[in-house]
Amino acid sequence: MSKIKDRLPDIVQATADFEKWASRHVHLVPSDVKLKHQLMAKSPFAFLRATFYRWAQWWPIVCPELARAPRVLAVGDLHVENFGTWRDLEGRLIWGVNDFDEAWPACYAVDLVRLLTSCYLAIEEEHLGISKKDARESIESGYRDAIAKGGGAFVLAEHHRWLRLVALNKLRDPVLFWNKILACPRYKGKLPKDVWKLVHASLPLRTYNFALKSRIAGLGSLGHPRVLALATWDGAHIVREAKQLTPSAWIWARKLQTTQILSRKLVESAVRLRDPHVHFTDHWIVRRLAPDCCHIEISSLPKKRDEEKLLYYMGWETANIHLGSPKVIPAIRRDLAKRKVRWLHKAAKAMLDVTLADWESWRGKNK
């Protein structure tokens, strides 16, 4: 481990370097960045969520053989809390991956390994009650099955009623949701004209009588400006969120000379029933927020849940994303066929070790 660690700057220096790079692409909110640093020190799970840039540095060093596996347009920052629900064009509730800020071409295995690593941390912190072996088998089985069968989106109606009950549990109460939105402070900045137009066009009412508020959310993107447009329509609240995006941390880690953002491409190419309220413009994303249209935190899941099935679905949904790179799928099938039983566990364990070492170092310097 010590020889590996010598190949990278320490986590404090890496974080400073990344934030300096990110600040050239987005106006980071200093108070939010400070909060992010505090949350990173609280737990390894929070640290993992907040530090995809570090994962992008470690990945080719810790898992060099896997890093050369077939490449797809990958999520990158995948973890057990990067799943949520939205409504499709027919108003049906859909479940799947809901954050693509770090979308970039990478080997298919990186999403699986990061998802499993997050499971291991969630298990150790008692957010999940499943064994590590069962978690690994569930994710991998779901992925393999979807790759073999061509995937399929999750419509939470007659075919996925169990998942609908998990997604619409009592902890996602509309009253709690709107209380949080209403408590957000007033936005004091100025939206770019094209973002303002997109926000306005995304609302069902043609009026400028809406309040702009600042929102603090997420961990990986904490520090990026998030602006809420809050209005009342026929006696009830509606809200849209505009979030400023940066190029993927893969670009920083690999020292690439590009500022391309691939979030829209990934959303449009994946096996997916799209959210008609998600819109992109340059370096911003605008989307509808609602009690049933947001990401799902592990802490909000009901106590009675089939975690093996849930993780199987997460593996399947990961394949749905990768199936958006159809020319690579035959190569992925061949690569999976030669992988031995514990390949995914070994990679996740190795990435877990360096993540925990970084967290201990970060916590020690941020007491």
Protein backbone atom coordinates (compact mmCIF):
# COMPACT_ATOMS: atom_id res chain seq x y z
CA MET A 1 0.00 0.00 0.00
CA SER A 2 2.77 2.47 0.86
CA LYS A 3 4.34 2.11 -2.59
CA ILE A 4 0.98 2.79 -4.23
CA LYS A 5 0.33 5.84 -2.05
CA ASP A 6 3.69 7.33 -3.05
CA ARG A 7 2.46 7.57 -6.64
CA LEU A 8 -0.10 10.29 -5.88
CA PRO A 9 -0.15 13.53 -3.86
CA ASP A 10 -1.97 13.21 -0.55
CA ILE A 11 -5.73 13.72 -0.43
CA VAL A 12 -5.49 17.28 0.93
CA GLN A 13 -3.26 18.40 -1.93
CA ALA A 14 -5.33 16.48 -4.50
CA THR A 15 -8.51 18.16 -3.24
CA ALA A 16 -6.95 21.60 -3.42
CA ASP A 17 -5.67 20.92 -6.96
CA PHE A 18 -9.05 19.63 -8.12
CA GLU A 19 -11.00 22.53 -6.64
CA LYS A 20 -8.61 25.01 -8.24
CA TRP A 21 -9.25 23.30 -11.59
CA ALA A 22 -13.03 23.14 -11.02
CA SER A 23 -13.15 26.84 -10.10
CA ARG A 24 -12.00 27.65 -13.63
CA HIS A 25 -15.17 26.06 -14.97
CA VAL A 26 -17.79 26.90 -12.33
CA HIS A 27 -18.26 29.58 -9.68
CA LEU A 28 -17.81 27.48 -6.53
CA VAL A 29 -19.74 28.68 -3.49
CA PRO A 30 -17.12 29.00 -0.69
CA SER A 31 -19.51 28.25 2.18
CA ASP A 32 -20.78 25.13 0.41
CA VAL A 33 -17.23 23.94 -0.27
CA LYS A 34 -16.42 24.38 3.41
CA LEU A 35 -19.49 22.33 4.33
CA LYS A 36 -18.43 19.65 1.85
CA HIS A 37 -15.02 19.40 3.54
CA GLN A 38 -16.71 18.95 6.91
CA LEU A 39 -19.03 16.23 5.60
CA MET A 40 -16.10 14.41 3.99
CA ALA A 41 -14.58 13.96 7.44
CA LYS A 42 -17.75 12.53 9.00
CA SER A 43 -17.83 9.06 7.44
CA PRO A 44 -16.12 6.99 4.72
CA PHE A 45 -19.44 6.68 2.87
CA ALA A 46 -19.85 10.46 2.66
CA PHE A 47 -16.19 10.77 1.74
CA LEU A 48 -16.59 8.34 -1.18
CA ARG A 49 -19.61 10.25 -2.49
CA ALA A 50 -17.78 13.57 -2.30
CA THR A 51 -14.46 12.56 -3.87
CA PHE A 52 -15.00 11.04 -7.28
CA TYR A 53 -11.98 13.08 -8.45
CA ARG A 54 -9.79 10.99 -6.14
CA TRP A 55 -11.37 7.76 -7.38
CA ALA A 56 -10.51 8.84 -10.94
CA GLN A 57 -6.87 9.20 -9.86
CA TRP A 58 -6.69 5.87 -8.04
CA TRP A 59 -8.59 3.72 -10.53
CA PRO A 60 -5.87 3.06 -13.18
CA ILE A 61 -3.25 2.62 -10.46
CA VAL A 62 -5.14 0.20 -8.21
CA CYS A 63 -7.01 -1.70 -10.97
CA PRO A 64 -4.76 -1.42 -14.05
CA GLU A 65 -5.98 -4.62 -15.71
CA LEU A 66 -9.66 -3.72 -15.30
CA ALA A 67 -8.98 -0.17 -16.48
CA ARG A 68 -8.07 -1.65 -19.87
CA ALA A 69 -11.38 -3.54 -20.22
CA PRO A 70 -13.93 -2.52 -22.92
CA ARG A 71 -14.93 1.14 -22.66
CA VAL A 72 -18.45 2.55 -22.56
CA LEU A 73 -19.95 5.92 -21.82
CA ALA A 74 -20.02 5.35 -18.06
CA VAL A 75 -21.71 7.07 -15.12
CA GLY A 76 -18.41 7.30 -13.26
CA ASP A 77 -19.72 8.58 -9.93
CA LEU A 78 -22.01 5.62 -9.30
CA HIS A 79 -23.00 4.63 -5.77
CA VAL A 80 -26.04 3.27 -3.92
CA GLU A 81 -27.54 6.76 -3.45
CA ASN A 82 -27.24 7.71 -7.12
CA PHE A 83 -30.68 6.26 -7.87
CA GLY A 84 -34.03 7.95 -7.78
CA THR A 85 -37.41 8.39 -9.41
CA TRP A 86 -39.02 10.66 -11.99
CA ARG A 87 -42.13 10.82 -14.17
CA ASP A 88 -41.99 9.96 -17.86
CA LEU A 89 -43.99 11.60 -20.65
CA GLU A 90 -47.04 9.52 -19.69
CA GLY A 91 -46.76 10.51 -16.03
CA ARG A 92 -45.60 7.02 -15.02
CA LEU A 93 -43.12 6.71 -12.15
CA ILE A 94 -39.67 5.58 -13.36
CA TRP A 95 -36.71 4.44 -11.26
CA GLY A 96 -33.04 4.51 -12.19
CA VAL A 97 -29.72 6.36 -12.08
CA ASN A 98 -30.41 10.06 -11.68
CA ASP A 99 -27.03 11.85 -11.70
CA PHE A 100 -24.72 11.93 -14.71
CA ASP A 101 -22.41 14.80 -13.83
CA GLU A 102 -19.29 12.64 -14.24
CA ALA A 103 -20.29 10.89 -17.48
CA TRP A 104 -17.21 10.01 -19.53
CA PRO A 105 -15.83 7.08 -21.58
CA ALA A 106 -14.34 4.51 -19.20
CA CYS A 107 -14.17 0.74 -18.84
CA TYR A 108 -17.52 -0.83 -18.01
CA ALA A 109 -16.16 -2.29 -14.77
CA VAL A 110 -15.56 1.08 -13.11
CA ASP A 111 -19.28 1.64 -12.48
CA LEU A 112 -19.73 -1.87 -11.05
CA VAL A 113 -16.68 -1.60 -8.79
CA ARG A 114 -17.67 1.83 -7.47
CA LEU A 115 -21.25 0.70 -6.87
CA LEU A 116 -20.05 -2.35 -4.92
CA THR A 117 -17.48 -0.30 -2.98
CA SER A 118 -20.27 2.04 -1.88
CA CYS A 119 -22.28 -1.01 -0.80
CA TYR A 120 -19.38 -2.25 1.32
CA LEU A 121 -19.17 1.12 3.05
CA ALA A 122 -22.94 1.24 3.54
CA ILE A 123 -22.81 -2.25 5.07
CA GLU A 124 -19.96 -1.30 7.42
CA GLU A 125 -21.87 1.80 8.53
CA GLU A 126 -25.03 -0.32 9.00
CA HIS A 127 -27.05 1.47 6.32
CA LEU A 128 -27.53 -1.90 4.63
CA GLY A 129 -28.14 -5.22 6.38
CA ILE A 130 -26.99 -7.51 3.58
CA SER A 131 -23.72 -9.51 3.58
CA LYS A 132 -20.91 -8.34 1.31
CA LYS A 133 -21.01 -11.63 -0.58
CA ASP A 134 -24.74 -11.30 -1.26
CA ALA A 135 -24.29 -7.67 -2.28
CA ARG A 136 -21.61 -8.57 -4.79
CA GLU A 137 -23.57 -11.47 -6.22
CA SER A 138 -26.76 -9.41 -6.52
CA ILE A 139 -25.13 -6.52 -8.37
CA GLU A 140 -23.15 -8.73 -10.71
CA SER A 141 -26.12 -11.00 -11.47
CA GLY A 142 -28.31 -8.02 -12.30
CA TYR A 143 -25.66 -6.60 -14.59
CA ARG A 144 -24.94 -9.88 -16.37
CA ASP A 145 -28.64 -10.61 -16.89
CA ALA A 146 -29.36 -7.17 -18.34
CA ILE A 147 -26.35 -7.29 -20.66
CA ALA A 148 -27.50 -10.72 -21.89
CA LYS A 149 -31.15 -9.70 -22.36
CA GLY A 150 -30.73 -6.18 -23.69
CA GLY A 151 -31.81 -4.39 -20.51
CA GLY A 152 -35.13 -2.74 -19.81
CA ALA A 153 -36.26 0.41 -17.99
CA PHE A 154 -38.00 0.29 -14.60
CA VAL A 155 -41.61 1.45 -14.87
CA LEU A 156 -42.96 1.34 -11.33
CA ALA A 157 -46.40 0.04 -12.18
CA GLU A 158 -47.60 -3.51 -12.73
CA HIS A 159 -44.14 -5.02 -13.32
CA HIS A 160 -42.16 -3.43 -10.47
CA ARG A 161 -44.74 -2.90 -7.75
CA TRP A 162 -42.29 -3.88 -5.00
CA LEU A 163 -39.84 -1.20 -6.06
CA ARG A 164 -42.67 1.35 -6.23
CA LEU A 165 -43.52 0.66 -2.59
CA VAL A 166 -39.86 1.17 -1.66
CA ALA A 167 -39.63 4.40 -3.66
CA LEU A 168 -42.88 5.89 -2.35
CA ASN A 169 -42.40 5.15 1.33
CA LYS A 170 -43.65 7.43 4.06
CA LEU A 171 -40.25 9.07 4.59
CA ARG A 172 -40.62 10.84 1.21
CA ASP A 173 -43.51 12.86 2.61
CA PRO A 174 -44.61 15.86 0.47
CA VAL A 175 -44.96 18.07 3.55
CA LEU A 176 -41.35 17.42 4.58
CA PHE A 177 -40.15 17.93 1.00
CA TRP A 178 -41.86 21.29 0.55
CA ASN A 179 -40.83 22.50 4.00
CA LYS A 180 -37.19 21.93 2.98
CA ILE A 181 -37.69 23.75 -0.33
CA LEU A 182 -39.43 26.71 1.32
CA ALA A 183 -36.66 26.97 3.91
CA CYS A 184 -33.99 27.51 1.24
CA PRO A 185 -32.52 31.05 1.28
CA ARG A 186 -33.12 33.61 -1.45
CA TYR A 187 -30.75 33.39 -4.41
CA LYS A 188 -28.69 36.59 -4.56
CA GLY A 189 -26.85 36.02 -7.81
CA LYS A 190 -27.84 36.50 -11.44
CA LEU A 191 -28.70 33.62 -13.74
CA PRO A 192 -27.25 33.62 -17.26
CA LYS A 193 -29.88 34.76 -19.74
CA ASP A 194 -30.09 31.38 -21.53
CA VAL A 195 -30.50 29.53 -18.22
CA TRP A 196 -33.20 31.98 -17.13
CA LYS A 197 -35.09 31.36 -20.39
CA LEU A 198 -34.78 27.59 -20.01
CA VAL A 199 -36.06 27.69 -16.42
CA HIS A 200 -38.97 29.87 -17.43
CA ALA A 201 -39.83 27.68 -20.44
CA SER A 202 -39.78 24.56 -18.24
CA LEU A 203 -42.57 25.88 -15.99
CA PRO A 204 -46.21 25.20 -16.92
CA LEU A 205 -47.24 28.79 -16.17
CA ARG A 206 -46.15 31.67 -18.38
CA THR A 207 -45.29 34.19 -15.71
CA TYR A 208 -42.13 35.56 -14.16
CA ASN A 209 -43.81 35.55 -10.77
CA PHE A 210 -41.55 32.94 -9.20
CA ALA A 211 -38.98 33.12 -6.42
CA LEU A 212 -35.34 32.21 -6.93
CA LYS A 213 -33.75 30.31 -4.05
CA SER A 214 -30.35 28.74 -3.37
CA ARG A 215 -30.23 25.03 -2.60
CA ILE A 216 -27.53 23.01 -0.88
CA ALA A 217 -27.65 19.38 -1.95
CA GLY A 218 -25.54 16.41 -2.97
CA LEU A 219 -21.95 15.73 -2.03
CA GLY A 220 -19.97 15.30 -5.23
CA SER A 221 -21.41 18.53 -6.66
CA LEU A 222 -21.69 20.35 -3.35
CA GLY A 223 -20.25 23.79 -3.99
CA HIS A 224 -21.76 24.10 -7.46
CA PRO A 225 -24.47 26.76 -7.74
CA ARG A 226 -27.99 25.29 -7.51
CA VAL A 227 -30.84 27.69 -8.15
CA LEU A 228 -34.49 26.90 -7.49
CA ALA A 229 -37.38 28.56 -9.31
CA LEU A 230 -40.31 28.24 -6.91
CA ALA A 231 -43.85 29.12 -7.98
CA THR A 232 -47.44 28.42 -7.02
CA TRP A 233 -49.74 26.90 -9.63
CA ASP A 234 -53.44 26.40 -8.87
CA GLY A 235 -52.84 26.58 -5.16
CA ALA A 236 -49.86 24.22 -4.91
CA HIS A 237 -46.10 24.58 -5.18
CA ILE A 238 -44.00 23.65 -8.20
CA VAL A 239 -40.23 23.99 -8.49
CA ARG A 240 -37.44 23.69 -11.03
CA GLU A 241 -33.74 23.38 -10.24
CA ALA A 242 -30.92 24.77 -12.36
CA LYS A 243 -27.50 23.33 -11.50
CA GLN A 244 -24.21 24.43 -12.98
CA LEU A 245 -22.07 21.60 -14.30
CA THR A 246 -18.31 21.16 -14.61
CA PRO A 247 -16.45 18.87 -16.99
CA SER A 248 -15.99 15.39 -15.55
CA ALA A 249 -13.26 14.81 -12.97
CA TRP A 250 -11.93 12.17 -15.36
CA ILE A 251 -10.66 15.09 -17.47
CA TRP A 252 -8.77 16.56 -14.50
CA ALA A 253 -7.34 13.19 -13.42
CA ARG A 254 -6.14 12.33 -16.93
CA LYS A 255 -4.96 15.87 -17.69
CA LEU A 256 -7.04 16.00 -20.87
CA GLN A 257 -7.30 19.16 -22.92
CA THR A 258 -11.08 19.40 -23.24
CA THR A 259 -14.05 20.91 -21.47
CA GLN A 260 -16.66 18.63 -23.02
CA ILE A 261 -19.63 17.60 -20.86
CA LEU A 262 -21.31 14.30 -21.80
CA SER A 263 -24.27 14.21 -19.40
CA ARG A 264 -26.83 14.88 -22.12
CA LYS A 265 -25.34 12.26 -24.44
CA LEU A 266 -25.50 9.60 -21.74
CA VAL A 267 -29.12 10.41 -20.87
CA GLU A 268 -30.12 10.26 -24.53
CA SER A 269 -28.28 7.03 -25.38
CA ALA A 270 -29.06 4.78 -22.39
CA VAL A 271 -31.88 2.24 -22.21
CA ARG A 272 -34.16 4.64 -20.43
CA LEU A 273 -37.58 6.29 -20.25
CA ARG A 274 -36.50 9.89 -20.13
CA ASP A 275 -37.69 12.62 -17.82
CA PRO A 276 -39.34 15.21 -20.09
CA HIS A 277 -38.54 17.91 -17.53
CA VAL A 278 -34.75 17.50 -17.79
CA HIS A 279 -33.11 20.04 -20.09
CA PHE A 280 -29.50 20.98 -20.80
CA THR A 281 -27.92 24.22 -21.89
CA ASP A 282 -24.17 24.64 -22.18
CA HIS A 283 -22.89 23.99 -18.63
CA TRP A 284 -26.26 23.85 -16.85
CA ILE A 285 -28.95 21.26 -16.25
CA VAL A 286 -32.56 22.21 -15.45
CA ARG A 287 -34.96 19.65 -14.00
CA ARG A 288 -38.22 19.32 -12.09
CA LEU A 289 -38.05 18.50 -8.39
CA ALA A 290 -40.93 16.94 -6.46
CA PRO A 291 -41.36 14.53 -3.53
CA ASP A 292 -41.41 11.60 -5.97
CA CYS A 293 -38.91 13.11 -8.42
CA CYS A 294 -35.57 13.14 -6.66
CA HIS A 295 -32.79 10.79 -5.58
CA ILE A 296 -33.45 8.21 -2.85
CA GLU A 297 -31.26 8.25 0.25
CA ILE A 298 -30.61 4.93 1.97
CA SER A 299 -31.81 6.41 5.26
CA SER A 300 -35.22 7.10 3.70
CA LEU A 301 -35.82 3.48 2.66
CA PRO A 302 -38.39 1.52 4.67
CA LYS A 303 -36.99 -0.94 7.21
CA LYS A 304 -38.70 -3.85 5.46
CA ARG A 305 -37.04 -4.19 2.06
CA ASP A 306 -35.49 -6.90 -0.07
CA GLU A 307 -31.92 -5.62 -0.33
CA GLU A 308 -30.75 -8.44 -2.59
CA LYS A 309 -33.47 -7.56 -5.09
CA LEU A 310 -32.74 -3.83 -4.77
CA LEU A 311 -29.03 -4.34 -5.52
CA TYR A 312 -29.89 -6.73 -8.36
CA TYR A 313 -31.96 -3.91 -9.88
CA MET A 314 -29.04 -1.50 -9.41
CA GLY A 315 -26.79 -3.89 -11.31
CA TRP A 316 -29.42 -4.17 -14.05
CA GLU A 317 -29.81 -0.38 -14.27
CA THR A 318 -26.02 -0.03 -14.56
CA ALA A 319 -26.21 -2.25 -17.63
CA ASN A 320 -29.06 -0.09 -18.97
CA ILE A 321 -26.62 2.82 -19.00
CA HIS A 322 -23.84 0.82 -20.67
CA LEU A 323 -26.20 -0.53 -23.32
CA GLY A 324 -26.17 3.03 -24.64
CA SER A 325 -22.78 2.06 -26.12
CA PRO A 326 -24.12 -0.82 -28.29
CA LYS A 327 -20.99 -1.42 -30.36
CA VAL A 328 -19.06 -2.35 -27.19
CA ILE A 329 -21.59 -4.85 -25.78
CA PRO A 330 -20.21 -7.95 -27.58
CA ALA A 331 -16.75 -7.16 -26.16
CA ILE A 332 -18.24 -6.73 -22.68
CA ARG A 333 -19.95 -10.12 -22.92
CA ARG A 334 -16.67 -11.76 -23.89
CA ASP A 335 -14.83 -9.96 -21.09
CA LEU A 336 -17.43 -10.96 -18.49
CA ALA A 337 -17.26 -14.58 -19.63
CA LYS A 338 -13.59 -14.83 -18.68
CA ARG A 339 -13.92 -13.11 -15.30
CA LYS A 340 -13.43 -15.43 -12.32
CA VAL A 341 -15.89 -15.59 -9.43
CA ARG A 342 -14.32 -13.01 -7.10
CA TRP A 343 -13.04 -10.48 -9.66
CA LEU A 344 -15.53 -7.80 -8.65
CA HIS A 345 -14.94 -8.29 -4.93
CA LYS A 346 -11.16 -8.08 -5.30
CA ALA A 347 -11.36 -4.82 -7.23
CA ALA A 348 -13.90 -3.29 -4.82
CA LYS A 349 -11.81 -4.36 -1.82
CA ALA A 350 -8.68 -2.78 -3.32
CA MET A 351 -10.48 0.50 -4.03
CA LEU A 352 -12.07 0.39 -0.58
CA ASP A 353 -8.63 0.15 1.02
CA VAL A 354 -7.25 3.27 -0.67
CA THR A 355 -10.50 5.15 -0.03
CA LEU A 356 -10.36 4.36 3.69
CA ALA A 357 -6.69 5.36 3.85
CA ASP A 358 -7.51 8.69 2.20
CA TRP A 359 -10.45 9.24 4.54
CA GLU A 360 -8.28 8.62 7.62
CA SER A 361 -5.75 11.11 6.28
CA TRP A 362 -8.44 13.68 5.49
CA ARG A 363 -10.12 13.27 8.87
CA GLY A 364 -6.80 13.60 10.67
CA LYS A 365 -6.07 16.91 8.97
CA ASN A 366 -9.60 18.33 9.27
CA LYS A 367 -10.41 17.86 12.95
